[in-house]
Amino acid sequence: MPPKNLFEALIKDVADEYASDIVLYIGPIDRPFDDAFIRRVKERKNRDNVILILTTNGGDPHAAYRMARCLQEQYETVAGSEGIGAPSQQKAKGKFRLFVDTRCKSAGTILAAGANILMLSDFGELGPIDVQLRKSDEVGERSSVLTPRHAMESLQTLALHHFEHAFKELRFSEELSFTTKLAAEVAKGMAVGLFEPIYGQIDPMRVGEYDRAMRIASEYATRLGKANLKDGALRRLVEGYPAHGFVIDKKEARELFNEVEEPSKKLITLGEITREWWNPDFLAANEPFIVYLTTPDITNEEGGNTDETIQNPGGNEPTGGETDSAPVAEAAGEGI
């Protein structure tokens, strides 16, 4: 593990380079952790700008919206805002940058829509806005809200294909020579008889629930991303990808967002260190790891939602001996 003073020096260099506070969030975006995040932002805001280093597999769209709005309002990153509850016509004062070093999926993408500037490392990836709902008949399992829509579209395509194939065979067969009306009626009966039992298994209330969940996520992203999302980007994020885990890399992110920057070498180094120290313990955990890295004496900062400090980040020292401190020493400058 790099010495304490090297880690703190790197944080200071990045904070000074961007004139920003730096917040680290690793884990699920969910309630009540959004409250913990908001409290921490309100208590520890120190500069005009903020960098959020976000690593998440997704979570709750309501929580993502509240977290993004908190950063927008506390740092006054949206024109016409002087803080919570005080709208004005003033220009935005701060910048909200979101840095993705590994995964930022679904609800994380909603949160990313609220940033003024998006930054991704070569390891970073966004994901589609794909809300996951709990399965009513399974414990601890979730399903994509896009699944029913894709199922309905597939069934519609198959039913139409089956009808067309049957109609053509009946109408234009030299042996049968059905009239157009009779061929259509028989083909319809065959299609209905084949697909009616399948459609009968669809719960319209569940489909409506899925559709509502997706509309909620879309509305949140619309409100947050008015400045940074390109025209048509939201629809593409909601409907244009086939799977929850689909990778949206840096190149494709530039097709969706107006402001996508290359992170500095020092910020990349900071992302690599936080990834190695904390991602293994917190990315798939039940609770997120939330730390204001620009807090004075960061190694005594309380991490996540517990009373544990981060004097030994992640609980384990990275392997590799002296090689682990090399990127920190290089990024932090000579004599450190």
Foldseek 3Di string as FASTA:
>chain_A
DADPVLLLLLLVVQCVVQVAFEKEKAAEQEPPLLVVLLVCCVVDGDGLEYEYEYHALYYALVSLLSNLVSRCASSQQQAQHVHPPHGGRHGRRYFYEYEFEAEQFQSSVLNNLQGPAYEYDQRGWYFFNWDWDDDPVDPPDTDTLCVVVVVVVVLVVVLVVQLVVQLCCQCVPPVRNDDNVVSNVVSVVVSCVVCVVVVVPDDVVVNVVSVVSLVVSLVSSCVNNVPWFDVPLSVCSSPVDDDRPDTCDLVNVVVTTVHYDYDDLSVNLSSVVCCQQANVPHRHDPFMWMARSPDPPQQQTQTTPDNDGVVPGNVDDDPDPPVNNVSSCVSSDPPD
